[in-house]
Protein backbone atom coordinates (compact mmCIF):
# COMPACT_ATOMS: atom_id res chain seq x y z
CA MET A 1 -21.70 -25.72 8.27
CA PRO A 2 -19.26 -28.48 8.32
CA LYS A 3 -15.55 -27.52 7.77
CA LEU A 4 -15.24 -29.10 4.54
CA ILE A 5 -18.46 -27.43 3.14
CA ALA A 6 -17.19 -24.43 4.52
CA THR A 7 -14.00 -24.63 2.64
CA ILE A 8 -15.47 -25.72 -0.77
CA PHE A 9 -17.86 -22.48 -0.55
CA PHE A 10 -15.27 -20.04 0.13
CA VAL A 11 -13.19 -21.46 -2.56
CA ALA A 12 -15.66 -21.19 -4.76
CA VAL A 13 -16.73 -17.63 -3.83
CA ILE A 14 -12.81 -16.68 -4.60
CA ILE A 15 -12.84 -18.28 -7.92
CA GLY A 16 -16.40 -16.41 -8.47
CA LEU A 17 -14.51 -12.96 -7.56
CA PHE A 18 -11.99 -13.66 -10.01
CA VAL A 19 -14.51 -14.53 -12.89
CA LEU A 20 -16.45 -11.64 -12.25
CA ASP A 21 -13.99 -9.10 -11.93
CA ARG A 22 -12.06 -10.34 -15.00
CA ASP A 23 -11.11 -7.88 -17.94
CA ARG A 24 -10.09 -9.71 -20.96
CA GLN A 25 -8.89 -6.60 -22.59
CA ALA A 26 -6.63 -5.73 -19.86
CA ARG A 27 -2.79 -6.32 -20.03
CA THR A 28 -0.06 -6.25 -17.60
CA SER A 29 3.55 -7.87 -17.72
CA LYS A 30 4.60 -11.03 -15.82
CA ALA A 31 6.69 -8.87 -13.63
CA LEU A 32 3.39 -7.86 -11.65
CA TRP A 33 3.40 -11.32 -10.00
CA ILE A 34 6.76 -9.96 -7.91
CA PRO A 35 4.63 -7.47 -6.20
CA PHE A 36 1.59 -9.52 -5.95
CA VAL A 37 3.14 -12.30 -3.96
CA TYR A 38 5.13 -9.67 -2.03
CA LEU A 39 1.66 -8.21 -0.86
CA LEU A 40 0.32 -11.50 -0.11
CA ILE A 41 2.90 -12.10 2.08
CA ILE A 42 3.23 -8.63 3.80
CA GLY A 43 -0.30 -8.61 4.14
CA SER A 44 -0.66 -11.92 6.02
CA ARG A 45 1.99 -13.96 7.51
CA PRO A 46 5.69 -15.26 6.96
CA VAL A 47 6.40 -18.06 4.51
CA SER A 48 7.88 -19.93 7.15
CA PHE A 49 4.54 -20.14 9.00
CA TRP A 50 2.57 -21.39 6.18
CA LEU A 51 5.08 -23.86 4.82
CA GLY A 52 6.64 -25.24 8.09
CA GLY A 53 4.58 -23.91 11.14
CA ASP A 54 4.69 -20.94 13.28
CA THR A 55 8.12 -19.15 13.36
CA PRO A 56 9.36 -19.28 17.06
CA ALA A 57 8.31 -16.11 18.99
CA PRO A 58 11.24 -13.76 19.96
CA ASP A 59 10.41 -14.36 23.73
CA ALA A 60 10.74 -18.11 23.20
CA ILE A 61 14.24 -17.77 22.21
CA TYR A 62 16.22 -14.76 22.73
CA GLY A 63 13.92 -12.29 24.39
CA ASN A 64 15.16 -9.49 23.14
CA GLY A 65 13.39 -9.28 19.48
CA ILE A 66 16.59 -10.21 17.63
CA TYR A 67 15.46 -13.30 15.50
CA SER A 68 14.59 -14.03 12.11
CA SER A 69 13.77 -16.89 9.78
CA PRO A 70 16.29 -18.04 7.33
CA LEU A 71 13.55 -19.09 4.68
CA ASP A 72 11.73 -15.86 5.21
CA ALA A 73 15.15 -14.21 4.70
CA ILE A 74 15.72 -16.30 1.29
CA VAL A 75 12.26 -15.68 0.05
CA SER A 76 12.62 -12.00 0.69
CA PHE A 77 15.99 -11.68 -1.03
CA ILE A 78 14.50 -13.72 -4.14
CA LEU A 79 11.81 -11.02 -4.47
CA LEU A 80 14.00 -8.29 -4.10
CA ALA A 81 16.45 -9.50 -6.58
CA LEU A 82 13.77 -10.11 -8.98
CA GLY A 83 12.30 -6.79 -8.35
CA LEU A 84 15.62 -5.03 -9.21
CA MET A 85 16.36 -6.82 -12.06
CA THR A 86 12.95 -5.82 -13.45
CA LEU A 87 13.87 -2.03 -12.60
CA VAL A 88 17.34 -2.45 -14.38
CA ALA A 89 15.49 -3.48 -17.73
CA ARG A 90 13.17 -0.55 -17.02
CA TRP A 91 15.72 1.90 -16.49
CA ARG A 92 14.63 4.68 -18.35
CA GLN A 93 11.03 4.89 -16.74
CA VAL A 94 12.74 4.10 -13.48
CA GLY A 95 15.08 7.46 -13.97
CA SER A 96 11.71 9.35 -14.92
CA LEU A 97 10.28 8.25 -11.78
CA LEU A 98 12.92 9.07 -9.21
CA LYS A 99 13.36 13.02 -10.08
CA GLY A 100 11.15 15.64 -8.94
CA ARG A 101 9.09 15.29 -6.12
CA SER A 102 10.38 11.17 -5.43
CA VAL A 103 13.43 12.85 -4.26
CA PRO A 104 12.37 12.92 -0.64
CA ILE A 105 11.91 9.12 -0.70
CA ILE A 106 15.41 8.85 -1.73
CA LEU A 107 16.49 11.31 0.77
CA PHE A 108 14.57 9.66 3.71
CA TYR A 109 16.01 5.97 2.93
CA ALA A 110 19.25 7.26 2.20
CA TYR A 111 19.61 8.39 5.82
CA ALA A 112 17.87 5.22 7.15
CA GLY A 113 20.77 3.52 5.43
CA LEU A 114 23.55 5.90 6.98
CA SER A 115 22.13 5.12 10.23
CA ILE A 116 23.96 1.80 10.28
CA LEU A 117 27.37 3.88 11.31
CA TRP A 118 25.71 4.71 14.70
CA SER A 119 23.40 1.95 15.50
CA ASP A 120 23.59 -0.54 18.30
CA PHE A 121 23.32 -3.51 16.26
CA PRO A 122 24.48 -2.59 12.68
CA TYR A 123 23.82 -5.98 10.97
CA SER A 124 20.24 -5.66 11.87
CA THR A 125 19.87 -2.15 11.03
CA LEU A 126 21.36 -3.29 7.35
CA LYS A 127 19.12 -6.24 7.20
CA HIS A 128 15.95 -4.04 8.21
CA TRP A 129 17.01 -1.28 5.87
CA THR A 130 17.27 -3.94 2.89
CA LYS A 131 13.77 -5.07 3.71
CA ALA A 132 12.58 -1.64 3.73
CA ILE A 133 13.91 -0.95 0.18
CA GLU A 134 11.67 -3.86 -1.03
CA ASP A 135 8.48 -1.36 -0.47
CA VAL A 136 10.18 1.12 -2.70
CA VAL A 137 11.29 -1.45 -5.37
CA MET A 138 7.50 -3.09 -5.47
CA ALA A 139 6.02 0.51 -5.80
CA LEU A 140 8.24 1.09 -8.52
CA VAL A 141 7.69 -1.90 -10.43
CA ILE A 142 4.10 -1.28 -10.33
CA TRP A 143 4.51 2.24 -11.64
CA THR A 144 6.97 1.22 -14.76
CA GLU A 145 4.02 -1.44 -15.97
CA VAL A 146 2.82 -0.05 -19.45
CA ASP A 147 -0.53 0.66 -17.97
CA PRO A 148 0.24 1.37 -14.20
CA VAL A 149 -3.73 2.01 -13.27
CA MET A 150 -4.47 -1.10 -14.57
CA ALA A 151 -1.48 -2.76 -12.93
CA VAL A 152 -2.45 -1.47 -9.62
CA ARG A 153 -6.05 -2.40 -10.03
CA ARG A 154 -5.17 -6.13 -10.74
CA LEU A 155 -2.66 -6.31 -7.86
CA LEU A 156 -4.94 -5.00 -5.05
CA THR A 157 -8.04 -6.64 -6.27
CA ARG A 158 -6.41 -10.19 -6.71
CA ALA A 159 -4.69 -9.88 -3.44
CA GLY A 160 -8.05 -8.82 -1.75
CA PHE A 161 -10.23 -11.62 -3.71
CA ILE A 162 -7.77 -13.99 -1.60
CA LEU A 163 -6.61 -12.50 1.67
CA ILE A 164 -10.43 -11.41 2.91
CA PRO A 165 -12.41 -14.29 2.10
CA LEU A 166 -9.58 -16.76 3.69
CA SER A 167 -9.98 -14.62 6.60
CA LEU A 168 -13.42 -14.93 7.21
CA LEU A 169 -12.92 -19.03 6.35
CA PHE A 170 -10.19 -19.28 8.98
CA SER A 171 -11.86 -16.87 11.57
CA LYS A 172 -14.85 -18.85 11.56
CA TYR A 173 -13.93 -22.45 10.70
CA TYR A 174 -10.20 -22.66 11.63
CA PRO A 175 -9.76 -21.31 15.06
CA ASP A 176 -5.88 -22.65 15.39
CA LEU A 177 -5.25 -20.41 12.35
CA GLY A 178 -7.82 -17.72 12.54
CA ARG A 179 -7.96 -16.75 16.15
CA GLY A 180 -6.01 -16.01 19.34
CA PHE A 181 -6.64 -14.62 22.70
CA SER A 182 -6.10 -10.80 24.15
CA LYS A 183 -4.20 -9.92 27.30
CA ASP A 184 -7.62 -10.52 29.16
CA TRP A 185 -8.08 -14.00 27.50
CA THR A 186 -10.76 -12.98 25.27
CA THR A 187 -10.99 -14.55 22.00
CA VAL A 188 -9.73 -12.15 18.92
CA TYR A 189 -10.06 -12.70 15.17
CA ASN A 190 -7.15 -12.73 13.32
CA GLY A 191 -7.84 -14.32 10.03
CA VAL A 192 -4.62 -14.64 7.74
CA THR A 193 -2.84 -12.24 10.10
CA GLU A 194 -0.90 -12.59 13.12
CA THR A 195 -3.00 -10.06 14.94
CA LYS A 196 -6.29 -8.16 15.04
CA ASN A 197 -4.90 -4.87 14.20
CA GLU A 198 -3.04 -6.44 11.14
CA LEU A 199 -6.11 -7.68 10.14
CA GLY A 200 -7.81 -4.41 10.37
CA VAL A 201 -5.21 -3.07 8.06
CA ILE A 202 -5.66 -5.27 5.16
CA CYS A 203 -9.49 -5.02 5.69
CA LEU A 204 -8.87 -0.89 5.53
CA ILE A 205 -6.76 -1.48 2.00
CA PHE A 206 -8.79 -3.76 0.37
CA GLY A 207 -12.03 -1.92 1.39
CA LEU A 208 -10.72 1.34 -0.02
CA THR A 209 -9.96 -1.01 -2.80
CA SER A 210 -13.16 -2.45 -3.84
CA LEU A 211 -14.92 0.99 -2.96
CA TRP A 212 -12.62 2.51 -5.60
CA CYS A 213 -13.52 -0.19 -8.16
CA PHE A 214 -17.03 0.07 -7.31
CA LEU A 215 -17.06 4.01 -8.07
CA GLY A 216 -15.08 3.23 -11.36
CA ALA A 217 -17.62 0.70 -12.30
CA LEU A 218 -20.48 2.83 -11.41
CA GLY A 219 -19.54 5.74 -13.41
CA GLU A 220 -18.88 3.43 -16.49
CA ARG A 221 -21.48 3.32 -19.55
CA LYS A 222 -23.10 0.05 -19.52
CA GLY A 223 -21.41 -2.75 -20.86
CA PRO A 224 -20.60 -6.38 -20.19
CA THR A 225 -18.37 -6.10 -17.34
CA ARG A 226 -20.15 -3.15 -15.53
CA ARG A 227 -22.40 -5.43 -13.74
CA ARG A 228 -20.04 -8.08 -12.97
CA ARG A 229 -17.52 -5.80 -11.43
CA LEU A 230 -20.25 -4.22 -9.32
CA ALA A 231 -21.44 -7.44 -7.96
CA ALA A 232 -17.84 -8.57 -7.32
CA HIS A 233 -17.12 -5.52 -5.15
CA SER A 234 -20.42 -5.20 -3.65
CA VAL A 235 -19.50 -8.75 -2.15
CA MET A 236 -15.98 -7.66 -1.01
CA MET A 237 -17.18 -4.43 0.72
CA VAL A 238 -19.78 -6.69 2.61
CA ALA A 239 -16.99 -9.34 3.50
CA VAL A 240 -14.69 -6.47 4.88
CA VAL A 241 -17.30 -4.88 7.09
CA THR A 242 -18.24 -8.20 8.37
CA MET A 243 -14.48 -8.95 8.98
CA LEU A 244 -14.01 -5.32 10.73
CA LEU A 245 -17.11 -6.17 12.98
CA MET A 246 -15.55 -9.47 14.14
CA SER A 247 -12.09 -8.14 14.53
CA HIS A 248 -13.30 -4.87 16.57
CA SER A 249 -10.25 -3.19 15.06
CA MET A 250 -11.71 0.48 15.89
CA THR A 251 -8.49 2.44 14.08
CA ALA A 252 -9.21 0.23 10.82
CA THR A 253 -12.89 0.91 11.02
CA VAL A 254 -12.64 4.76 11.67
CA ASN A 255 -9.85 4.97 9.01
CA LEU A 256 -11.99 3.06 6.32
CA VAL A 257 -15.13 5.39 7.08
CA LEU A 258 -13.18 8.83 7.09
CA CYS A 259 -10.74 7.92 3.88
CA GLY A 260 -13.67 6.12 1.96
CA ALA A 261 -15.45 9.87 2.31
CA VAL A 262 -12.19 11.34 1.07
CA MET A 263 -12.17 8.92 -1.98
CA VAL A 264 -15.93 9.58 -2.62
CA ALA A 265 -15.66 13.43 -2.39
CA VAL A 266 -12.42 13.58 -4.73
CA ASN A 267 -13.91 11.34 -7.00
CA ARG A 268 -17.15 12.95 -7.72
CA SER A 269 -15.49 15.93 -8.38
CA SER A 270 -15.11 16.18 -12.47
CA PRO A 271 -13.26 18.06 -13.25
CA ALA A 272 -10.86 17.60 -10.19
CA LYS A 273 -11.26 20.55 -7.76
CA PRO A 274 -8.00 20.79 -5.77
CA ALA A 275 -10.03 23.03 -2.93
CA ARG A 276 -12.25 19.88 -2.67
CA ALA A 277 -9.28 17.57 -2.03
CA HIS A 278 -7.69 19.93 0.51
CA LEU A 279 -11.12 20.10 2.71
CA ALA A 280 -11.75 16.41 2.79
CA VAL A 281 -8.13 15.32 3.75
CA ALA A 282 -7.86 18.11 6.43
CA ALA A 283 -11.58 17.09 7.80
CA ALA A 284 -10.36 13.31 7.62
CA LEU A 285 -7.43 13.93 9.41
CA CYS A 286 -9.02 16.72 12.18
CA ILE A 287 -11.62 13.95 12.76
CA ALA A 288 -8.91 11.36 13.71
CA MET A 289 -6.93 13.68 15.71
CA ILE A 290 -9.47 15.04 17.75
CA PRO A 291 -9.94 11.94 20.25
CA ILE A 292 -6.29 11.84 20.64
CA PHE A 293 -5.53 15.51 21.33
CA ILE A 294 -8.73 17.48 22.25
CA ALA A 295 -11.15 15.01 23.46
CA PRO A 296 -10.02 11.64 24.63
CA SER A 297 -13.24 10.96 26.26
CA LEU A 298 -14.82 10.48 22.89
CA VAL A 299 -13.39 7.11 22.46
CA GLU A 300 -15.15 5.80 25.40
CA SER A 301 -18.72 6.45 23.54
CA LEU A 302 -17.11 3.54 21.03
CA GLY A 303 -16.29 1.05 23.93
CA ARG A 304 -12.65 2.14 24.47
CA ASP A 305 -10.73 3.36 27.42
CA THR A 306 -9.19 6.82 27.22
CA THR A 307 -5.53 5.37 27.22
CA PHE A 308 -6.14 3.91 23.78
CA SER A 309 -5.52 0.24 25.25
CA GLY A 310 -2.78 1.52 27.24
CA ARG A 311 -0.88 3.39 24.32
CA THR A 312 -0.65 6.60 26.19
CA VAL A 313 1.33 5.09 28.62
CA ILE A 314 3.55 3.50 26.34
CA TRP A 315 3.92 6.97 24.45
CA HIS A 316 5.21 8.34 27.91
CA ILE A 317 7.67 5.80 28.73
CA LEU A 318 9.60 5.40 25.58
CA PRO A 319 10.76 8.83 25.52
CA THR A 320 12.80 8.11 28.88
CA PHE A 321 15.05 5.37 27.00
CA VAL A 322 16.13 7.65 24.36
CA ARG A 323 19.98 8.40 24.16
CA ASN A 324 20.26 10.56 20.78
CA PRO A 325 17.28 12.30 20.00
CA TRP A 326 18.75 14.02 17.11
CA LEU A 327 20.44 10.79 15.31
CA GLY A 328 18.01 8.00 16.78
CA ALA A 329 19.04 4.31 17.40
CA GLY A 330 19.20 3.23 14.21
CA TYR A 331 16.88 2.02 11.62
CA GLU A 332 14.24 -0.30 13.12
CA THR A 333 16.56 -1.17 16.18
CA PHE A 334 15.35 0.87 18.69
CA LEU A 335 13.06 -1.74 20.23
CA MET A 336 15.70 -4.72 20.09
CA GLY A 337 18.26 -6.06 22.71
CA PRO A 338 18.50 -5.09 26.20
CA ARG A 339 16.18 -2.22 25.79
CA LEU A 340 13.43 -4.58 24.65
CA VAL A 341 13.88 -6.43 27.63
CA GLN A 342 13.77 -3.47 29.90
CA LEU A 343 10.63 -2.23 28.25
CA LYS A 344 8.97 -5.60 28.44
CA ALA A 345 9.71 -5.78 32.14
CA ILE A 346 7.96 -2.38 32.49
CA ILE A 347 5.20 -2.52 30.23
CA ASP A 348 4.12 -5.88 29.31
CA LYS A 349 5.74 -9.09 28.44
CA THR A 350 4.20 -8.81 25.02
CA PHE A 351 5.27 -5.42 24.14
CA GLN A 352 6.80 -5.11 20.74
CA GLU A 353 6.14 -1.67 19.04
CA ALA A 354 5.39 1.84 19.89
CA HIS A 355 1.78 1.79 18.42
CA ASN A 356 2.71 5.24 16.89
CA GLY A 357 4.19 5.45 13.42
CA TYR A 358 5.82 9.20 13.92
CA ILE A 359 7.29 7.93 17.57
CA GLU A 360 8.71 5.04 16.02
CA VAL A 361 10.72 7.30 13.16
CA TRP A 362 11.84 9.22 16.16
CA LEU A 363 12.94 6.55 18.25
CA ASN A 364 14.98 4.98 15.12
CA LEU A 365 16.21 7.92 13.21
CA GLY A 366 15.88 10.99 15.55
CA TRP A 367 14.57 14.40 14.79
CA ILE A 368 16.81 14.46 11.66
CA GLY A 369 14.50 11.39 10.21
CA VAL A 370 11.36 12.84 11.61
CA SER A 371 12.08 16.15 9.38
CA LEU A 372 13.03 13.93 6.33
CA PHE A 373 10.07 12.09 6.75
CA ALA A 374 8.01 15.19 7.15
CA PHE A 375 9.64 16.39 3.87
CA LEU A 376 8.50 13.18 2.47
CA VAL A 377 4.72 13.55 3.42
CA VAL A 378 4.51 17.18 2.41
CA SER A 379 6.05 16.38 -1.17
CA GLY A 380 3.92 13.11 -1.29
CA TYR A 381 0.86 15.13 -0.52
CA ARG A 382 1.66 17.54 -3.40
CA THR A 383 2.32 14.40 -5.59
CA ALA A 384 -0.96 13.24 -5.04
CA LEU A 385 -2.80 16.36 -5.22
CA ALA A 386 -1.37 16.76 -8.69
CA ALA A 387 -2.53 13.46 -9.66
CA VAL A 388 -5.97 14.20 -8.73
CA ARG A 389 -5.89 17.28 -11.25
CA ARG A 390 -4.52 14.84 -13.92
CA ASP A 391 -7.02 12.14 -13.36
CA SER A 392 -9.43 12.18 -10.28
CA ALA A 393 -10.27 8.54 -10.60
CA ILE A 394 -6.85 7.29 -9.74
CA GLY A 395 -5.98 10.26 -7.85
CA SER A 396 -8.69 9.59 -5.69
CA LEU A 397 -7.32 6.16 -4.58
CA ARG A 398 -3.73 7.78 -4.20
CA LEU A 399 -5.21 10.38 -1.98
CA ALA A 400 -7.10 7.69 0.02
CA PHE A 401 -4.07 5.59 0.53
CA PHE A 402 -2.29 8.65 1.64
CA ALA A 403 -4.44 10.09 4.31
CA ALA A 404 -5.07 6.26 5.48
CA ALA A 405 -1.60 5.93 6.32
CA LEU A 406 -1.26 9.16 8.16
CA ILE A 407 -4.31 8.47 10.22
CA GLU A 408 -2.81 4.73 10.60
CA GLY A 409 0.19 6.00 11.92
CA LEU A 410 -1.36 8.02 14.88
CA THR A 411 -2.20 4.71 16.97
CA GLU A 412 -0.11 2.03 14.96
CA ALA A 413 3.59 1.40 14.06
CA ALA A 414 2.31 1.87 10.17
CA TYR A 415 5.94 3.01 8.78
CA ARG A 416 7.73 -0.20 9.52
CA MET A 417 9.47 -2.04 6.90
CA MET A 418 7.21 -4.67 4.84
CA SER A 419 4.20 -2.99 6.15
CA PRO A 420 1.46 -3.01 3.90
CA VAL A 421 0.61 0.61 5.07
CA CYS A 422 3.95 1.90 4.02
CA PHE A 423 4.22 -0.10 0.84
CA LEU A 424 1.02 1.71 -0.53
CA LEU A 425 1.85 4.86 1.13
CA LEU A 426 5.22 4.87 -1.06
CA TRP A 427 2.98 3.99 -4.21
CA SER A 428 0.71 6.80 -3.65
CA ILE A 429 3.49 9.54 -3.41
CA VAL A 430 5.77 8.12 -6.27
CA ASP A 431 5.74 11.29 -8.59
CA ASN A 432 5.09 9.82 -12.41
CA SER A 433 4.37 13.16 -13.66
CA MET A 434 7.44 13.36 -15.81
CA ALA A 435 6.68 9.86 -17.33
CA VAL A 436 3.24 10.90 -18.07
CA ARG A 437 4.68 14.19 -19.78
CA LYS A 438 7.26 12.01 -21.71
CA ASN A 439 4.10 9.48 -22.93
CA LEU A 440 2.23 12.53 -23.92
CA ARG A 441 5.31 13.97 -25.96
CA ARG A 442 5.70 10.54 -27.54
CA GLU A 443 1.91 10.57 -28.51
CA ARG A 444 2.13 13.86 -29.98
CA GLN A 445 5.37 12.86 -32.12
CA ARG A 446 3.57 9.61 -33.02
CA ASN A 447 0.48 11.34 -34.25
CA SER A 448 2.34 14.19 -35.90
CA LEU A 449 4.55 11.59 -37.69
CA GLY A 450 1.20 9.65 -38.62
CA ASP A 451 0.02 12.92 -39.92
CA ARG A 452 3.08 13.84 -41.59
CA THR A 453 3.04 10.16 -43.15
CA GLN A 454 -0.65 10.36 -44.36
CA SER A 455 -0.08 13.76 -46.08
CA GLU A 456 2.67 12.53 -47.94
CA TYR A 457 1.17 9.48 -48.81
CA MET A 458 -2.09 11.66 -50.18
CA ASP A 459 0.47 13.75 -52.13
CA VAL A 460 2.10 10.66 -53.51
CA SER A 461 -1.39 9.45 -54.44
CA GLU A 462 -2.55 12.58 -56.08
CA THR A 463 0.56 12.87 -58.34
CA HIS A 464 0.06 9.28 -59.45
CA ALA A 465 -3.68 9.81 -60.21
CA SER A 466 -2.77 13.14 -61.79
CA ALA A 467 -0.08 11.38 -63.99
CA SER A 468 -2.47 8.66 -64.68
CA MET A 469 -5.26 11.03 -65.88
CA ARG A 470 -2.88 12.91 -68.18
CA PRO A 471 -2.99 12.10 -72.02
CA ASP A 472 0.07 10.20 -73.42
CA PHE A 473 1.76 11.89 -76.46
CA SER A 474 4.58 9.48 -76.76
CA ILE A 475 5.41 8.11 -79.92
CA PRO A 476 5.26 4.11 -79.29
CA SER A 477 8.80 2.54 -80.49
């Protein structure tokens, strides 16, 4: 198919997906465009790439990882400022969300900010911490919407309808944009992202989203939008599977299968059964960890080597460079400066990450940071489980994203700032129970007020009716 015709075809597919999934009764605020733009950026490539060509690689300039684009910094600052302005206007809802089980989020990011005091690169730590706060801000913007469930559905489906079809288009018809080369010079497909692993991440996220929407439409009664939504998300799931097969991202593929099973198991549980949710999450995590900790030879059956493409070598080398195991090197600064240069010389000139989210938390924030992150995870799981009890539909999505983030962290640096996985992990563990209780309380008050008003109206009406039927014995003047 010629490139021009293919482009027209994929643009038509994107428009068709939006038309099929539209819901005219749904209402979300204009503020939802802020996390939408943010998700498009962190789910693809920096703005500087799309507007002015590729960002210069760190190796080409400094070779130590200390580089950032001024344009990307400006865009990030604008989005953060708009998000904060939105939250200030919604300060009552924000206060409800940041209490209870959301406190571990505050503690973890407060400690990450405090690491500026002992960081080798204080300015870089401050800059990275500010970008990490964007994840929290965007998650809160979604949860402070009038209808947060509809808000997250619109956010994820719209972003998926754009990024996944464009990834297919770029990979097949625009090799300069959608393809790259591995270390052994074989062709790899990147789509709209910079690496095949990042492409696997967005396939994981939007694959789970489409599965969730498909299950939701499947459980609805017959209506005018049901068939359209089923068709739209069927197309999306086919596109996601096709993109995963092209990218050969094994981590994302296994993760999608495991967490999709978690979602189905929880979603089909009505009323919600916590025991089923516990079992589903535990089974997914155990299956994901068996090849790493118990039987590495299993990965050979999937066409991978037992070192997980050299990851185990990296995991053994990095601890030897740690100077302060309790405090860490400072938030997101371990792999910077002379230390990164040394590691590139030992491991590989393309080395940039530890390929394990938990190890990176330890490298950057030490055992104290690991403890706070563990506290965040345990508390977040309780929050997601409580959401399942309240509503198994949205609870299944939160639990699936939670499990997906934990599994992704086993072989990828999933908990970095401005990461789609970290962003959705935070969204899934924000505790909205107090906001739900307040809404229920307001609803009860509104209903009781309405009942009281109606009864007063009936009393007045009965009084007037009885007065009108009473005979008038007055003498006319």
